[in-house]
């Protein structure tokens, strides 16, 4: 347990920050899953539009260092390749 006032405050702040980061991480996963769902539906145009909506969300979360930039890039690359593989 924290002994100083400073350490107690940091403990309080870290709880709030952890909850905020978890929320953003969830938003990231939801954005990826929305694109995957559109890909599974097989509609290339719909998948592409959902992907274009999700890219800024993924980038914003990576910029805040909630997920590593390479992880975000990897997800975007794989989703883009899956969309390109769909038949028009």
N, C-alpha and C. Protein backbone atom coordinates (compact mmCIF):
# COMPACT_ATOMS: atom_id res chain seq x y z
N UNK A 1 0.84 -1.18 0.00
CA UNK A 1 0.00 0.00 0.00
C UNK A 1 0.88 1.24 0.00
N UNK A 2 0.37 2.28 -0.66
CA UNK A 2 1.11 3.53 -0.76
C UNK A 2 1.19 4.20 0.61
N UNK A 3 2.37 4.72 0.95
CA UNK A 3 2.58 5.33 2.26
C UNK A 3 2.57 6.85 2.25
N UNK A 4 3.04 7.44 1.19
CA UNK A 4 3.08 8.91 1.14
C UNK A 4 1.84 9.44 0.40
N UNK A 5 1.57 10.71 0.61
CA UNK A 5 0.44 11.34 -0.07
C UNK A 5 0.63 11.29 -1.58
N UNK A 6 1.87 11.50 -2.01
CA UNK A 6 2.18 11.48 -3.43
C UNK A 6 1.90 10.09 -4.02
N UNK A 7 2.31 9.05 -3.31
CA UNK A 7 2.11 7.69 -3.79
C UNK A 7 0.62 7.32 -3.80
N UNK A 8 -0.13 7.81 -2.81
CA UNK A 8 -1.58 7.55 -2.79
C UNK A 8 -2.25 8.21 -3.99
N UNK A 9 -1.83 9.43 -4.29
CA UNK A 9 -2.41 10.14 -5.43
C UNK A 9 -2.09 9.41 -6.74
N UNK A 10 -0.84 8.98 -6.88
CA UNK A 10 -0.45 8.26 -8.10
C UNK A 10 -1.25 6.96 -8.23
N UNK A 11 -1.53 6.30 -7.11
CA UNK A 11 -2.32 5.08 -7.14
C UNK A 11 -3.74 5.38 -7.63
N UNK A 12 -4.32 6.49 -7.14
CA UNK A 12 -5.65 6.89 -7.60
C UNK A 12 -5.64 7.21 -9.09
N UNK A 13 -4.64 7.95 -9.51
CA UNK A 13 -4.56 8.35 -10.91
C UNK A 13 -4.37 7.13 -11.83
N UNK A 14 -3.56 6.18 -11.37
CA UNK A 14 -3.29 5.02 -12.22
C UNK A 14 -4.54 4.17 -12.41
N UNK A 15 -5.42 4.12 -11.41
CA UNK A 15 -6.67 3.38 -11.55
C UNK A 15 -7.54 4.01 -12.63
N UNK A 16 -7.65 5.35 -12.59
CA UNK A 16 -8.46 6.05 -13.59
C UNK A 16 -7.84 5.90 -14.98
N UNK A 17 -6.52 6.02 -15.07
CA UNK A 17 -5.84 5.94 -16.36
C UNK A 17 -5.96 4.54 -16.95
N UNK A 18 -5.89 3.53 -16.09
CA UNK A 18 -6.01 2.14 -16.54
C UNK A 18 -7.40 1.89 -17.14
N UNK A 19 -8.43 2.43 -16.49
CA UNK A 19 -9.79 2.28 -17.00
C UNK A 19 -9.95 2.99 -18.35
N UNK A 20 -9.35 4.16 -18.49
CA UNK A 20 -9.42 4.90 -19.74
C UNK A 20 -8.69 4.15 -20.85
N UNK A 21 -7.51 3.62 -20.55
CA UNK A 21 -6.74 2.85 -21.53
C UNK A 21 -7.50 1.60 -21.95
N UNK A 22 -8.16 0.94 -20.99
CA UNK A 22 -8.93 -0.27 -21.30
C UNK A 22 -10.08 0.06 -22.24
N UNK A 23 -10.70 1.20 -22.04
CA UNK A 23 -11.79 1.64 -22.91
C UNK A 23 -11.28 1.87 -24.33
N UNK A 24 -10.14 2.52 -24.46
CA UNK A 24 -9.57 2.77 -25.78
C UNK A 24 -9.14 1.46 -26.45
N UNK A 25 -8.58 0.54 -25.69
CA UNK A 25 -8.18 -0.76 -26.23
C UNK A 25 -9.41 -1.51 -26.75
N UNK A 26 -10.50 -1.40 -26.02
CA UNK A 26 -11.76 -2.02 -26.44
C UNK A 26 -12.26 -1.40 -27.74
N UNK A 27 -12.13 -0.09 -27.87
CA UNK A 27 -12.53 0.60 -29.10
C UNK A 27 -11.70 0.11 -30.28
N UNK A 28 -10.41 -0.10 -30.05
CA UNK A 28 -9.52 -0.63 -31.09
C UNK A 28 -10.00 -2.00 -31.55
N UNK A 29 -10.26 -2.88 -30.59
CA UNK A 29 -10.69 -4.24 -30.93
C UNK A 29 -12.03 -4.23 -31.65
N UNK A 30 -12.93 -3.36 -31.22
CA UNK A 30 -14.24 -3.26 -31.86
C UNK A 30 -14.10 -2.80 -33.31
N UNK A 31 -13.22 -1.84 -33.55
CA UNK A 31 -13.00 -1.35 -34.92
C UNK A 31 -12.49 -2.47 -35.82
N UNK A 32 -11.56 -3.27 -35.30
CA UNK A 32 -11.01 -4.38 -36.08
C UNK A 32 -12.10 -5.42 -36.34
N UNK A 33 -12.88 -5.73 -35.31
CA UNK A 33 -13.93 -6.75 -35.46
C UNK A 33 -15.02 -6.32 -36.43
N UNK A 34 -15.32 -5.03 -36.47
CA UNK A 34 -16.33 -4.54 -37.42
C UNK A 34 -15.87 -4.79 -38.85
N UNK A 35 -14.59 -4.56 -39.12
CA UNK A 35 -14.07 -4.80 -40.46
C UNK A 35 -14.08 -6.29 -40.76
N UNK A 36 -13.67 -7.11 -39.80
CA UNK A 36 -13.66 -8.56 -40.01
C UNK A 36 -15.07 -9.09 -40.30
N UNK A 37 -16.05 -8.55 -39.62
CA UNK A 37 -17.43 -8.97 -39.83
C UNK A 37 -17.89 -8.60 -41.24
N UNK A 38 -17.51 -7.41 -41.69
CA UNK A 38 -17.87 -6.98 -43.05
C UNK A 38 -17.18 -7.86 -44.09
N UNK A 39 -15.95 -8.27 -43.82
CA UNK A 39 -15.22 -9.14 -44.74
C UNK A 39 -15.90 -10.51 -44.82
N UNK A 40 -16.30 -11.03 -43.66
CA UNK A 40 -16.98 -12.33 -43.65
C UNK A 40 -18.31 -12.30 -44.39
N UNK A 41 -18.96 -11.14 -44.39
CA UNK A 41 -20.22 -11.01 -45.12
C UNK A 41 -19.98 -11.11 -46.63
N UNK A 42 -18.77 -10.81 -47.07
CA UNK A 42 -18.40 -11.00 -48.48
C UNK A 42 -18.66 -9.80 -49.38
N UNK A 43 -19.15 -8.71 -48.84
CA UNK A 43 -19.42 -7.52 -49.65
C UNK A 43 -18.18 -6.62 -49.64
N UNK A 44 -17.50 -6.57 -50.78
CA UNK A 44 -16.24 -5.84 -50.85
C UNK A 44 -16.43 -4.34 -50.63
N UNK A 45 -17.47 -3.76 -51.20
CA UNK A 45 -17.70 -2.33 -51.07
C UNK A 45 -18.01 -1.94 -49.63
N UNK A 46 -18.83 -2.74 -48.97
CA UNK A 46 -19.17 -2.47 -47.57
C UNK A 46 -17.94 -2.64 -46.68
N UNK A 47 -17.17 -3.68 -46.95
CA UNK A 47 -15.97 -3.94 -46.15
C UNK A 47 -14.98 -2.78 -46.30
N UNK A 48 -14.86 -2.29 -47.52
CA UNK A 48 -13.92 -1.20 -47.78
C UNK A 48 -14.35 0.08 -47.06
N UNK A 49 -15.66 0.37 -47.05
CA UNK A 49 -16.14 1.58 -46.38
C UNK A 49 -15.97 1.47 -44.86
N UNK A 50 -16.22 0.29 -44.30
CA UNK A 50 -16.04 0.09 -42.86
C UNK A 50 -14.55 0.19 -42.51
N UNK A 51 -13.70 -0.34 -43.38
CA UNK A 51 -12.25 -0.27 -43.17
C UNK A 51 -11.78 1.18 -43.15
N UNK A 52 -12.28 1.99 -44.08
CA UNK A 52 -11.88 3.39 -44.14
C UNK A 52 -12.35 4.18 -42.92
N UNK A 53 -13.47 3.76 -42.34
CA UNK A 53 -13.94 4.39 -41.10
C UNK A 53 -13.08 3.97 -39.91
N UNK A 54 -12.57 2.74 -39.95
CA UNK A 54 -11.83 2.19 -38.82
C UNK A 54 -10.37 2.61 -38.78
N UNK A 55 -9.79 2.93 -39.92
CA UNK A 55 -8.37 3.29 -39.98
C UNK A 55 -8.03 4.49 -39.09
N UNK A 56 -8.80 5.59 -39.13
CA UNK A 56 -8.47 6.70 -38.23
C UNK A 56 -8.57 6.35 -36.75
N UNK A 57 -9.52 5.48 -36.41
CA UNK A 57 -9.68 5.05 -35.02
C UNK A 57 -8.44 4.26 -34.59
N UNK A 58 -8.02 3.34 -35.44
CA UNK A 58 -6.84 2.51 -35.14
C UNK A 58 -5.60 3.40 -35.02
N UNK A 59 -5.44 4.34 -35.94
CA UNK A 59 -4.27 5.23 -35.90
C UNK A 59 -4.27 6.11 -34.66
N UNK A 60 -5.44 6.62 -34.29
CA UNK A 60 -5.54 7.49 -33.12
C UNK A 60 -5.13 6.75 -31.84
N UNK A 61 -5.56 5.51 -31.73
CA UNK A 61 -5.23 4.72 -30.54
C UNK A 61 -3.74 4.36 -30.53
N UNK A 62 -3.18 4.12 -31.71
CA UNK A 62 -1.74 3.84 -31.79
C UNK A 62 -0.93 5.09 -31.46
N UNK A 63 -1.40 6.26 -31.88
CA UNK A 63 -0.70 7.51 -31.57
C UNK A 63 -0.65 7.77 -30.07
N UNK A 64 -1.67 7.32 -29.35
CA UNK A 64 -1.72 7.49 -27.90
C UNK A 64 -0.94 6.40 -27.17
N UNK A 65 -0.34 5.50 -27.94
CA UNK A 65 0.49 4.41 -27.42
C UNK A 65 -0.30 3.43 -26.54
N UNK A 66 -1.59 3.28 -26.85
CA UNK A 66 -2.40 2.28 -26.18
C UNK A 66 -2.04 0.92 -26.76
N UNK A 67 -1.86 0.87 -28.08
CA UNK A 67 -1.29 -0.30 -28.75
C UNK A 67 -0.08 0.20 -29.52
N UNK A 68 0.87 -0.69 -29.73
CA UNK A 68 2.09 -0.32 -30.43
C UNK A 68 1.78 0.02 -31.89
N UNK A 69 2.52 0.97 -32.45
CA UNK A 69 2.26 1.41 -33.82
C UNK A 69 2.43 0.26 -34.82
N UNK A 70 3.35 -0.65 -34.55
CA UNK A 70 3.54 -1.78 -35.46
C UNK A 70 2.36 -2.74 -35.41
N UNK A 71 1.77 -2.90 -34.22
CA UNK A 71 0.59 -3.75 -34.10
C UNK A 71 -0.57 -3.15 -34.89
N UNK A 72 -0.74 -1.84 -34.78
CA UNK A 72 -1.80 -1.17 -35.53
C UNK A 72 -1.56 -1.32 -37.04
N UNK A 73 -0.33 -1.14 -37.46
CA UNK A 73 0.01 -1.27 -38.88
C UNK A 73 -0.22 -2.70 -39.36
N UNK A 74 0.11 -3.66 -38.54
CA UNK A 74 -0.07 -5.07 -38.88
C UNK A 74 -1.56 -5.39 -39.09
N UNK A 75 -2.39 -4.90 -38.17
CA UNK A 75 -3.84 -5.13 -38.29
C UNK A 75 -4.38 -4.48 -39.56
N UNK A 76 -3.98 -3.24 -39.81
CA UNK A 76 -4.46 -2.54 -41.00
C UNK A 76 -4.03 -3.28 -42.27
N UNK A 77 -2.79 -3.73 -42.30
CA UNK A 77 -2.27 -4.42 -43.46
C UNK A 77 -3.02 -5.71 -43.73
N UNK A 78 -3.25 -6.49 -42.68
CA UNK A 78 -3.94 -7.77 -42.85
C UNK A 78 -5.39 -7.56 -43.27
N UNK A 79 -6.05 -6.58 -42.68
CA UNK A 79 -7.43 -6.32 -43.05
C UNK A 79 -7.52 -5.85 -44.50
N UNK A 80 -6.59 -4.99 -44.89
CA UNK A 80 -6.57 -4.49 -46.27
C UNK A 80 -6.34 -5.64 -47.25
N UNK A 81 -5.44 -6.54 -46.92
CA UNK A 81 -5.16 -7.69 -47.80
C UNK A 81 -6.38 -8.59 -47.91
N UNK A 82 -7.10 -8.77 -46.80
CA UNK A 82 -8.31 -9.60 -46.84
C UNK A 82 -9.39 -8.95 -47.72
N UNK A 83 -9.49 -7.62 -47.65
CA UNK A 83 -10.48 -6.92 -48.46
C UNK A 83 -10.11 -7.04 -49.94
N UNK A 84 -8.83 -6.89 -50.25
CA UNK A 84 -8.39 -7.00 -51.65
C UNK A 84 -8.62 -8.40 -52.20
N UNK A 85 -8.55 -9.40 -51.33
CA UNK A 85 -8.73 -10.78 -51.76
C UNK A 85 -10.19 -11.12 -52.06
N UNK A 86 -11.12 -10.28 -51.56
CA UNK A 86 -12.54 -10.53 -51.85
C UNK A 86 -12.82 -10.34 -53.32
N UNK A 87 -13.72 -11.15 -53.84
CA UNK A 87 -14.11 -10.97 -55.24
C UNK A 87 -15.09 -9.80 -55.35
N UNK A 88 -14.93 -9.03 -56.37
CA UNK A 88 -15.78 -7.85 -56.56
C UNK A 88 -17.17 -8.32 -56.90
